[in-house]
Amino acid sequence: MNHDLSNTQIIRPLQDSSLAVTEVLERVYEALNEKGYNPISQIVGYIMSGDPTYITSYKGARSLIMKVERDEILEELMRNYVENKLKKA
C-alpha cells in the first residue's frame, strides 16, 4: 500500500445517517417541553457545555442528542436561521 505522507488525512466520525439533525432536535425539543423544561435554554446549555445532563433522558432524548455532534447541531441551527430570517430580509 502506497501512502502519501506529505498530505494530512481527514478522518470523519461515523454518523448515524438514519437520523437527521433536524429530527433529533425536534424529538429532543418535544421531550424537554413535555417534561416542563425550557427547551431552548436546555439545548443551548448542552451545546455550550457539552454536558448531556442538560437534556432529559425522557423518551431517550439524551441518548438521541449524543448521536449527533454539537457542531452539526450548530450548523443546522445556523442554516435554518439564515434560510428563514436573513434571506427574507
Protein backbone atom coordinates (compact mmCIF):
# COMPACT_ATOMS: atom_id res chain seq x y z
CA MET A 1 0.00 0.00 0.00
CA ASN A 2 1.46 3.36 -1.04
CA HIS A 3 0.73 6.25 1.41
CA ASP A 4 1.45 9.86 0.56
CA LEU A 5 2.95 11.21 3.79
CA SER A 6 3.01 14.80 2.54
CA ASN A 7 -0.78 15.20 2.86
CA THR A 8 -2.86 15.31 6.00
CA GLN A 9 -5.54 12.65 6.11
CA ILE A 10 -9.00 13.63 7.29
CA ILE A 11 -10.88 11.16 9.42
CA ARG A 12 -14.54 11.93 9.85
CA PRO A 13 -16.51 10.43 12.74
CA LEU A 14 -19.07 7.79 11.85
CA GLN A 15 -22.57 9.15 11.98
CA ASP A 16 -25.94 7.54 12.35
CA SER A 17 -27.07 8.51 8.86
CA SER A 18 -30.57 7.20 9.53
CA LEU A 19 -31.26 10.18 11.79
CA ALA A 20 -31.20 13.76 10.54
CA VAL A 21 -30.10 16.54 12.89
CA THR A 22 -33.47 18.25 12.41
CA GLU A 23 -35.30 15.11 13.51
CA VAL A 24 -33.07 14.80 16.60
CA LEU A 25 -33.72 18.43 17.52
CA GLU A 26 -37.47 18.02 17.05
CA ARG A 27 -37.62 14.93 19.25
CA VAL A 28 -35.37 16.39 21.95
CA TYR A 29 -37.32 19.66 21.94
CA GLU A 30 -40.58 17.74 22.33
CA ALA A 31 -39.26 15.63 25.21
CA LEU A 32 -37.90 18.67 27.06
CA ASN A 33 -41.15 20.55 26.54
CA GLU A 34 -43.26 17.61 27.76
CA LYS A 35 -41.17 17.41 30.94
CA GLY A 36 -41.73 21.12 31.61
CA TYR A 37 -38.26 22.38 30.78
CA ASN A 38 -37.45 25.40 28.62
CA PRO A 39 -36.20 23.51 25.54
CA ILE A 40 -34.27 26.45 24.09
CA SER A 41 -32.32 27.08 27.30
CA GLN A 42 -31.61 23.39 27.85
CA ILE A 43 -30.39 22.78 24.29
CA VAL A 44 -28.21 25.91 24.40
CA GLY A 45 -26.76 24.72 27.71
CA TYR A 46 -25.91 21.38 26.13
CA ILE A 47 -24.36 22.94 23.03
CA MET A 48 -22.25 25.38 25.05
CA SER A 49 -21.03 22.94 27.69
CA GLY A 50 -21.21 19.52 26.09
CA ASP A 51 -22.81 18.29 29.32
CA PRO A 52 -25.57 15.83 28.37
CA THR A 53 -27.34 16.30 31.72
CA TYR A 54 -28.90 19.45 30.26
CA ILE A 55 -31.06 17.06 28.23
CA THR A 56 -33.69 14.88 29.86
CA SER A 57 -33.46 11.13 29.48
CA TYR A 58 -37.24 11.08 28.95
CA LYS A 59 -38.13 9.36 25.66
CA GLY A 60 -34.42 8.66 25.11
CA ALA A 61 -33.73 12.34 24.33
CA ARG A 62 -30.31 12.39 26.00
CA SER A 63 -29.09 9.33 24.11
CA LEU A 64 -30.54 10.71 20.91
CA ILE A 65 -28.84 14.11 21.06
CA MET A 66 -25.50 12.47 21.80
CA LYS A 67 -25.70 10.66 18.43
CA VAL A 68 -25.01 13.91 16.59
CA GLU A 69 -22.02 16.21 17.02
CA ARG A 70 -22.62 19.57 18.66
CA ASP A 71 -21.07 21.36 15.68
CA GLU A 72 -23.61 19.62 13.42
CA ILE A 73 -26.39 20.96 15.63
CA LEU A 74 -24.96 24.47 15.40
CA GLU A 75 -24.62 24.19 11.62
CA GLU A 76 -28.25 23.11 11.31
CA LEU A 77 -29.47 25.91 13.56
CA MET A 78 -27.42 28.48 11.66
CA ARG A 79 -28.56 27.16 8.29
CA ASN A 80 -32.18 27.35 9.41
CA TYR A 81 -31.73 30.87 10.75
CA VAL A 82 -30.11 32.12 7.55
CA GLU A 83 -32.70 30.48 5.31
CA ASN A 84 -35.69 31.66 7.33
CA LYS A 85 -34.58 35.06 8.63
CA LEU A 86 -31.72 36.54 6.68
CA LYS A 87 -32.73 35.55 3.16
CA LYS A 88 -36.21 37.02 3.67
CA ALA A 89 -34.87 40.39 4.75
